[in-house]
Amino acid sequence: MRLNGNIIGGEFDAALNEFSMETFKHLETQSTMKQNQVTNLYEYLLKHKHDEDGQVLTLYDQLPLRLTQDEVYQLLEDLEKVRSFYRDE
């Protein structure tokens, strides 16, 4: 299944039960996320969605990307869609 969200884009592999993120804020990336990783990120952002200063996430543990509060909300929406793809293991 393909996801072209507001913040992230990529492909979900149902056979492997994992999401391959290809874009993040219009930057190209190649990151594979298992269900627990998506859930952990979702729950963290959910707890901090009211932070007026937004959040900073990193790609490859090297490239910091700032998310405004509005972008955090958009990423939460994208992650909700990704979470719906996973089958419980």
N, C-alpha and C. Protein backbone atom coordinates (compact mmCIF):
# COMPACT_ATOMS: atom_id res chain seq x y z
N MET A 1 0.84 -1.18 0.00
CA MET A 1 0.00 0.00 0.00
C MET A 1 0.88 1.24 0.00
N ARG A 2 0.47 2.19 -0.75
CA ARG A 2 1.22 3.43 -0.91
C ARG A 2 0.65 4.51 0.01
N LEU A 3 1.53 5.28 0.64
CA LEU A 3 1.10 6.43 1.44
C LEU A 3 1.81 7.67 0.93
N ASN A 4 1.05 8.65 0.55
CA ASN A 4 1.58 9.97 0.19
C ASN A 4 0.96 10.95 1.16
N GLY A 5 1.51 11.01 2.37
CA GLY A 5 0.97 11.85 3.41
C GLY A 5 1.45 13.28 3.31
N ASN A 6 1.08 14.07 4.30
CA ASN A 6 1.51 15.47 4.35
C ASN A 6 2.98 15.61 4.70
N ILE A 7 3.49 14.73 5.54
CA ILE A 7 4.87 14.81 6.01
C ILE A 7 5.70 13.63 5.50
N ILE A 8 5.14 12.44 5.53
CA ILE A 8 5.88 11.25 5.10
C ILE A 8 5.22 10.59 3.90
N GLY A 9 6.04 9.90 3.14
CA GLY A 9 5.55 9.11 2.02
C GLY A 9 6.35 7.83 1.96
N GLY A 10 5.71 6.78 1.47
CA GLY A 10 6.41 5.53 1.35
C GLY A 10 5.48 4.40 0.98
N GLU A 11 5.99 3.20 1.14
CA GLU A 11 5.28 1.99 0.74
C GLU A 11 5.22 1.02 1.91
N PHE A 12 4.04 0.45 2.12
CA PHE A 12 3.87 -0.56 3.15
C PHE A 12 3.95 -1.93 2.50
N ASP A 13 4.80 -2.79 3.05
CA ASP A 13 4.95 -4.16 2.57
C ASP A 13 4.17 -5.08 3.51
N ALA A 14 3.02 -5.55 3.05
CA ALA A 14 2.16 -6.38 3.90
C ALA A 14 2.81 -7.72 4.21
N ALA A 15 3.58 -8.27 3.28
CA ALA A 15 4.23 -9.56 3.51
C ALA A 15 5.25 -9.48 4.64
N LEU A 16 5.99 -8.37 4.69
CA LEU A 16 6.99 -8.18 5.74
C LEU A 16 6.45 -7.43 6.95
N ASN A 17 5.24 -6.87 6.81
CA ASN A 17 4.60 -6.10 7.87
C ASN A 17 5.49 -4.94 8.32
N GLU A 18 5.99 -4.16 7.33
CA GLU A 18 6.83 -3.01 7.65
C GLU A 18 6.61 -1.90 6.63
N PHE A 19 6.89 -0.69 7.08
CA PHE A 19 6.71 0.51 6.26
C PHE A 19 8.07 1.04 5.83
N SER A 20 8.25 1.21 4.54
CA SER A 20 9.49 1.80 4.01
C SER A 20 9.23 3.26 3.69
N MET A 21 9.77 4.13 4.53
CA MET A 21 9.60 5.56 4.34
C MET A 21 10.57 6.03 3.26
N GLU A 22 10.04 6.73 2.26
CA GLU A 22 10.85 7.22 1.15
C GLU A 22 11.03 8.72 1.15
N THR A 23 10.08 9.43 1.77
CA THR A 23 10.21 10.88 1.89
C THR A 23 9.80 11.33 3.29
N PHE A 24 10.46 12.36 3.76
CA PHE A 24 10.12 12.99 5.03
C PHE A 24 10.29 14.48 4.81
N LYS A 25 9.19 15.21 4.91
CA LYS A 25 9.19 16.67 4.64
C LYS A 25 9.84 16.96 3.28
N HIS A 26 9.48 16.19 2.29
CA HIS A 26 9.94 16.37 0.91
C HIS A 26 11.43 16.08 0.71
N LEU A 27 12.09 15.51 1.72
CA LEU A 27 13.46 15.05 1.56
C LEU A 27 13.44 13.56 1.29
N GLU A 28 14.29 13.11 0.40
CA GLU A 28 14.36 11.68 0.12
C GLU A 28 15.09 10.97 1.24
N THR A 29 14.57 9.82 1.61
CA THR A 29 15.18 9.00 2.66
C THR A 29 14.89 7.55 2.35
N GLN A 30 15.50 6.66 3.07
CA GLN A 30 15.21 5.24 2.94
C GLN A 30 15.30 4.64 4.33
N SER A 31 14.16 4.57 4.99
CA SER A 31 14.09 4.05 6.36
C SER A 31 12.96 3.04 6.44
N THR A 32 13.25 1.90 7.03
CA THR A 32 12.24 0.88 7.23
C THR A 32 11.79 0.93 8.68
N MET A 33 10.48 0.98 8.88
CA MET A 33 9.94 1.10 10.23
C MET A 33 9.04 -0.09 10.55
N LYS A 34 9.36 -0.75 11.62
CA LYS A 34 8.54 -1.85 12.13
C LYS A 34 7.38 -1.24 12.92
N GLN A 35 6.40 -2.06 13.24
CA GLN A 35 5.20 -1.59 13.91
C GLN A 35 5.51 -0.91 15.24
N ASN A 36 6.40 -1.49 16.03
CA ASN A 36 6.69 -0.88 17.33
C ASN A 36 7.39 0.47 17.19
N GLN A 37 8.17 0.66 16.16
CA GLN A 37 8.83 1.95 15.94
C GLN A 37 7.81 3.02 15.58
N VAL A 38 6.88 2.68 14.72
CA VAL A 38 5.83 3.63 14.34
C VAL A 38 4.97 3.96 15.56
N THR A 39 4.62 2.94 16.34
CA THR A 39 3.81 3.16 17.54
C THR A 39 4.53 4.03 18.55
N ASN A 40 5.81 3.78 18.77
CA ASN A 40 6.58 4.58 19.72
C ASN A 40 6.66 6.04 19.30
N LEU A 41 6.93 6.28 18.03
CA LEU A 41 6.99 7.65 17.52
C LEU A 41 5.62 8.32 17.64
N TYR A 42 4.57 7.61 17.27
CA TYR A 42 3.21 8.14 17.35
C TYR A 42 2.87 8.52 18.80
N GLU A 43 3.13 7.64 19.73
CA GLU A 43 2.80 7.91 21.13
C GLU A 43 3.62 9.06 21.70
N TYR A 44 4.88 9.16 21.32
CA TYR A 44 5.70 10.29 21.77
C TYR A 44 5.12 11.61 21.26
N LEU A 45 4.84 11.65 19.96
CA LEU A 45 4.31 12.89 19.38
C LEU A 45 2.94 13.24 19.95
N LEU A 46 2.14 12.22 20.22
CA LEU A 46 0.82 12.44 20.81
C LEU A 46 0.95 13.12 22.18
N LYS A 47 1.93 12.70 22.97
CA LYS A 47 2.14 13.29 24.30
C LYS A 47 2.66 14.73 24.21
N HIS A 48 3.33 15.04 23.10
CA HIS A 48 3.97 16.36 22.98
C HIS A 48 3.34 17.24 21.89
N LYS A 49 2.15 16.88 21.45
CA LYS A 49 1.55 17.62 20.34
C LYS A 49 1.18 19.05 20.69
N HIS A 50 1.06 19.35 21.97
CA HIS A 50 0.69 20.71 22.37
C HIS A 50 1.91 21.60 22.62
N ASP A 51 3.11 21.08 22.45
CA ASP A 51 4.32 21.89 22.61
C ASP A 51 4.33 22.96 21.52
N GLU A 52 4.28 24.21 21.93
CA GLU A 52 4.20 25.31 20.97
C GLU A 52 5.43 25.42 20.08
N ASP A 53 6.57 24.96 20.58
CA ASP A 53 7.80 25.06 19.80
C ASP A 53 7.97 23.91 18.81
N GLY A 54 7.04 22.97 18.79
CA GLY A 54 7.14 21.85 17.87
C GLY A 54 8.13 20.81 18.36
N GLN A 55 8.70 20.06 17.43
CA GLN A 55 9.65 18.99 17.77
C GLN A 55 10.79 19.00 16.76
N VAL A 56 11.88 18.36 17.14
CA VAL A 56 12.99 18.14 16.23
C VAL A 56 13.20 16.65 16.14
N LEU A 57 13.12 16.12 14.92
CA LEU A 57 13.40 14.71 14.66
C LEU A 57 14.66 14.63 13.81
N THR A 58 15.34 13.52 13.84
CA THR A 58 16.54 13.37 13.03
C THR A 58 16.39 12.24 12.04
N LEU A 59 16.96 12.46 10.87
CA LEU A 59 17.08 11.40 9.87
C LEU A 59 18.51 10.88 9.95
N TYR A 60 18.64 9.58 9.97
CA TYR A 60 19.95 8.93 10.01
C TYR A 60 20.76 9.34 11.24
N ASP A 61 20.11 9.77 12.29
CA ASP A 61 20.77 10.24 13.51
C ASP A 61 21.78 11.36 13.24
N GLN A 62 21.62 12.05 12.12
CA GLN A 62 22.58 13.09 11.76
C GLN A 62 21.92 14.39 11.29
N LEU A 63 20.78 14.28 10.64
CA LEU A 63 20.16 15.44 10.03
C LEU A 63 18.93 15.86 10.82
N PRO A 64 19.06 16.90 11.66
CA PRO A 64 17.90 17.35 12.44
C PRO A 64 16.89 18.09 11.56
N LEU A 65 15.62 17.74 11.75
CA LEU A 65 14.54 18.39 11.01
C LEU A 65 13.53 18.93 12.01
N ARG A 66 13.27 20.21 11.90
CA ARG A 66 12.34 20.86 12.80
C ARG A 66 10.92 20.69 12.28
N LEU A 67 10.03 20.32 13.18
CA LEU A 67 8.61 20.23 12.87
C LEU A 67 7.86 21.29 13.68
N THR A 68 7.09 22.10 13.00
CA THR A 68 6.25 23.05 13.71
C THR A 68 5.13 22.28 14.41
N GLN A 69 4.40 22.95 15.27
CA GLN A 69 3.29 22.28 15.94
C GLN A 69 2.28 21.77 14.91
N ASP A 70 2.01 22.55 13.87
CA ASP A 70 1.09 22.13 12.82
C ASP A 70 1.62 20.89 12.09
N GLU A 71 2.92 20.85 11.83
CA GLU A 71 3.51 19.69 11.16
C GLU A 71 3.46 18.45 12.05
N VAL A 72 3.56 18.63 13.36
CA VAL A 72 3.44 17.50 14.29
C VAL A 72 2.04 16.90 14.14
N TYR A 73 1.02 17.75 14.08
CA TYR A 73 -0.36 17.26 13.88
C TYR A 73 -0.48 16.51 12.55
N GLN A 74 0.13 17.05 11.51
CA GLN A 74 0.08 16.40 10.20
C GLN A 74 0.80 15.05 10.23
N LEU A 75 1.94 15.00 10.90
CA LEU A 75 2.68 13.74 11.01
C LEU A 75 1.87 12.71 11.81
N LEU A 76 1.19 13.14 12.85
CA LEU A 76 0.33 12.24 13.61
C LEU A 76 -0.74 11.62 12.71
N GLU A 77 -1.33 12.45 11.83
CA GLU A 77 -2.33 11.93 10.89
C GLU A 77 -1.71 10.89 9.95
N ASP A 78 -0.51 11.20 9.45
CA ASP A 78 0.17 10.25 8.57
C ASP A 78 0.47 8.94 9.30
N LEU A 79 0.94 9.05 10.53
CA LEU A 79 1.29 7.85 11.29
C LEU A 79 0.05 7.03 11.63
N GLU A 80 -1.09 7.69 11.84
CA GLU A 80 -2.33 6.95 12.06
C GLU A 80 -2.65 6.07 10.85
N LYS A 81 -2.44 6.62 9.66
CA LYS A 81 -2.68 5.84 8.44
C LYS A 81 -1.72 4.66 8.36
N VAL A 82 -0.45 4.91 8.64
CA VAL A 82 0.54 3.83 8.60
C VAL A 82 0.19 2.76 9.62
N ARG A 83 -0.20 3.17 10.82
CA ARG A 83 -0.55 2.21 11.87
C ARG A 83 -1.71 1.31 11.45
N SER A 84 -2.60 1.84 10.65
CA SER A 84 -3.76 1.04 10.21
C SER A 84 -3.34 -0.07 9.23
N PHE A 85 -2.17 0.05 8.62
CA PHE A 85 -1.70 -0.97 7.68
C PHE A 85 -1.21 -2.23 8.35
N TYR A 86 -0.65 -2.07 9.56
CA TYR A 86 0.00 -3.21 10.22
C TYR A 86 -1.02 -4.24 10.68
N ARG A 87 -0.60 -5.49 10.65
CA ARG A 87 -1.39 -6.55 11.24
C ARG A 87 -0.70 -6.90 12.55
N ASP A 88 -1.49 -7.20 13.57
CA ASP A 88 -0.93 -7.53 14.88
C ASP A 88 -0.18 -8.85 14.79
N GLU A 89 0.98 -8.84 15.43
CA GLU A 89 1.80 -10.06 15.43
C GLU A 89 1.76 -10.74 16.76
